Amino acid sequence: MPDDGSACAVAYIYLFRRDFIKLRNINNGIRQKGVLYTLSIKFQLNENLRVMKDEFDAVLNENPDSLVVIDFYATWCGPCKIMGPKFIKLSNEFTSVVFVKVDVDESEDIVSRFDIKVMPTFIFMRKGAQIDMVEGSVEDDLRKKIEQHK
């Protein structure tokens, strides 16, 4: 079995859907360890797309006063592959900021909600509202915006 966290994601989604756990119960533990929220429907059935949206909204609702940085990426996107490790590095550096990754190919409802046209795109949110955006793969631009809004 690959050591990419996919087994944990499957287990989490199974427990989350059956109300055994709620996102708020693991939120601080995830942020304390510097792990990203990775929102993906690849382990879910098509008729349950709403669960994905609910999970995304739960992350925003559970962190209303925190800066939330959302990375819209694609697995096939070259610049996204370059920025992926840098995004993880920033998440470890800025522990008071909530970092979220959204795969554009698996989360069309969220992509259309933010009208994403370029990848990678980084959306900055606070109190449920978008406050800024960075398009492209320039780490310094992303870092400056995080420092500005943190």
Protein backbone atom coordinates (compact mmCIF):
# COMPACT_ATOMS: atom_id res chain seq x y z
CA MET A 1 0.00 0.00 0.00
CA PRO A 2 1.41 3.45 -0.90
CA ASP A 3 2.48 5.70 1.93
CA ASP A 4 0.75 8.80 0.52
CA GLY A 5 -2.00 9.13 3.10
CA SER A 6 -4.68 7.73 0.80
CA ALA A 7 -5.65 5.02 3.30
CA CYS A 8 -6.11 7.68 5.98
CA ALA A 9 -8.21 9.76 3.60
CA VAL A 10 -10.45 6.80 2.83
CA ALA A 11 -10.87 6.04 6.54
CA TYR A 12 -11.57 9.67 7.37
CA ILE A 13 -14.21 10.02 4.65
CA TYR A 14 -15.87 6.78 5.77
CA LEU A 15 -16.04 7.96 9.40
CA PHE A 16 -16.98 11.54 8.50
CA ARG A 17 -19.90 10.44 6.31
CA ARG A 18 -21.25 8.24 9.08
CA ASP A 19 -21.03 11.00 11.71
CA PHE A 20 -18.44 9.13 13.78
CA ILE A 21 -16.15 12.15 13.62
CA LYS A 22 -16.56 15.77 12.69
CA LEU A 23 -13.95 17.94 11.07
CA ARG A 24 -13.85 20.22 14.09
CA ASN A 25 -12.66 17.33 16.26
CA ILE A 26 -9.46 16.89 14.28
CA ASN A 27 -8.89 20.45 13.13
CA ASN A 28 -6.38 21.55 15.75
CA GLY A 29 -4.46 18.30 15.56
CA ILE A 30 -4.02 18.66 11.83
CA ARG A 31 -2.94 22.29 12.05
CA GLN A 32 -0.56 21.62 14.93
CA LYS A 33 1.26 19.01 12.87
CA GLY A 34 1.45 21.30 9.84
CA VAL A 35 -0.53 18.92 7.66
CA LEU A 36 -2.61 20.33 4.85
CA TYR A 37 -6.29 19.77 4.35
CA THR A 38 -6.51 18.05 0.99
CA LEU A 39 -10.04 18.09 -0.31
CA SER A 40 -10.76 15.51 -2.94
CA ILE A 41 -13.74 13.48 -4.05
CA LYS A 42 -11.73 10.67 -5.61
CA PHE A 43 -12.62 8.36 -2.71
CA GLN A 44 -16.31 9.31 -2.82
CA LEU A 45 -19.19 8.28 -5.01
CA ASN A 46 -20.51 10.74 -7.59
CA GLU A 47 -23.92 11.06 -5.93
CA ASN A 48 -22.20 12.38 -2.81
CA LEU A 49 -20.52 15.45 -4.30
CA ARG A 50 -22.33 17.52 -1.70
CA VAL A 51 -20.17 15.91 1.01
CA MET A 52 -17.12 17.42 -0.66
CA LYS A 53 -18.72 20.87 -0.66
CA ASP A 54 -19.82 20.40 2.95
CA GLU A 55 -16.29 19.40 3.95
CA PHE A 56 -14.87 22.46 2.24
CA ASP A 57 -17.43 24.73 3.90
CA ALA A 58 -16.70 23.07 7.25
CA VAL A 59 -13.02 24.02 6.96
CA LEU A 60 -14.00 27.63 6.30
CA ASN A 61 -16.62 27.69 9.07
CA GLU A 62 -14.34 26.07 11.64
CA ASN A 63 -11.65 28.71 11.04
CA PRO A 64 -13.57 32.00 10.67
CA ASP A 65 -10.88 34.29 12.07
CA SER A 66 -7.91 32.46 10.57
CA LEU A 67 -6.42 33.18 7.21
CA VAL A 68 -7.30 30.29 4.89
CA VAL A 69 -5.11 29.80 1.80
CA ILE A 70 -6.59 27.54 -0.87
CA ASP A 71 -4.35 26.00 -3.54
CA PHE A 72 -6.32 25.12 -6.70
CA TYR A 73 -4.10 22.66 -8.56
CA ALA A 74 -4.16 19.77 -11.04
CA THR A 75 -2.07 16.61 -10.87
CA TRP A 76 -1.07 17.02 -14.54
CA CYS A 77 -0.08 20.73 -14.21
CA GLY A 78 3.70 21.32 -14.34
CA PRO A 79 3.71 24.63 -12.40
CA CYS A 80 1.39 23.01 -9.81
CA LYS A 81 3.92 20.22 -9.31
CA ILE A 82 6.63 22.83 -8.73
CA MET A 83 4.51 24.78 -6.23
CA GLY A 84 3.23 21.71 -4.34
CA PRO A 85 6.32 21.23 -2.13
CA LYS A 86 6.64 25.00 -1.66
CA PHE A 87 3.01 25.19 -0.49
CA ILE A 88 3.71 22.41 2.02
CA LYS A 89 6.84 24.25 3.20
CA LEU A 90 4.80 27.43 3.73
CA SER A 91 2.16 25.47 5.67
CA ASN A 92 4.87 24.28 8.05
CA GLU A 93 6.25 27.79 8.40
CA PHE A 94 2.95 29.66 8.95
CA THR A 95 1.24 27.42 11.49
CA SER A 96 -1.49 29.94 12.35
CA VAL A 97 -2.68 29.88 8.73
CA VAL A 98 -4.99 27.13 7.43
CA PHE A 99 -3.79 25.65 4.14
CA VAL A 100 -6.16 23.77 1.82
CA LYS A 101 -5.47 21.97 -1.46
CA VAL A 102 -8.29 21.47 -3.98
CA ASP A 103 -7.77 19.27 -7.05
CA VAL A 104 -9.58 21.11 -9.86
CA ASP A 105 -10.34 17.91 -11.76
CA GLU A 106 -12.11 16.36 -8.79
CA SER A 107 -13.85 19.38 -7.28
CA GLU A 108 -15.66 21.15 -10.11
CA ASP A 109 -18.32 22.60 -7.82
CA ILE A 110 -15.71 24.50 -5.80
CA VAL A 111 -13.70 25.48 -8.89
CA SER A 112 -16.77 27.07 -10.48
CA ARG A 113 -17.65 28.80 -7.21
CA PHE A 114 -14.31 30.65 -7.34
CA ASP A 115 -14.20 30.94 -11.16
CA ILE A 116 -10.72 29.40 -11.36
CA LYS A 117 -9.17 29.84 -14.82
CA VAL A 118 -5.41 29.48 -14.16
CA MET A 119 -3.45 26.87 -12.24
CA PRO A 120 -2.11 27.09 -9.76
CA THR A 121 -4.40 29.71 -8.23
CA PHE A 122 -4.21 30.57 -4.55
CA ILE A 123 -7.30 32.09 -2.94
CA PHE A 124 -7.01 33.88 0.41
CA MET A 125 -10.08 33.86 2.64
CA ARG A 126 -11.08 35.15 6.05
CA LYS A 127 -14.52 35.10 7.68
CA GLY A 128 -15.87 33.21 4.67
CA ALA A 129 -14.97 35.96 2.19
CA GLN A 130 -12.25 36.06 -0.43
CA ILE A 131 -9.72 38.76 0.45
CA ASP A 132 -6.99 38.17 -2.14
CA MET A 133 -5.70 35.90 -4.90
CA VAL A 134 -2.38 34.89 -6.47
CA GLU A 135 -2.20 33.19 -9.87
CA GLY A 136 0.87 31.32 -11.05
CA SER A 137 3.88 29.64 -9.55
CA VAL A 138 5.95 32.41 -7.96
CA GLU A 139 6.67 31.42 -4.36
CA ASP A 140 7.70 34.96 -3.36
CA ASP A 141 4.32 36.36 -4.44
CA LEU A 142 2.52 33.73 -2.39
CA ARG A 143 4.74 34.30 0.64
CA LYS A 144 4.23 38.09 0.51
CA LYS A 145 0.45 37.71 0.45
CA ILE A 146 0.51 35.26 3.36
CA GLU A 147 2.68 37.65 5.38
CA GLN A 148 0.42 40.56 4.45
CA HIS A 149 -2.80 38.83 5.58
CA LYS A 150 -1.69 36.51 8.41
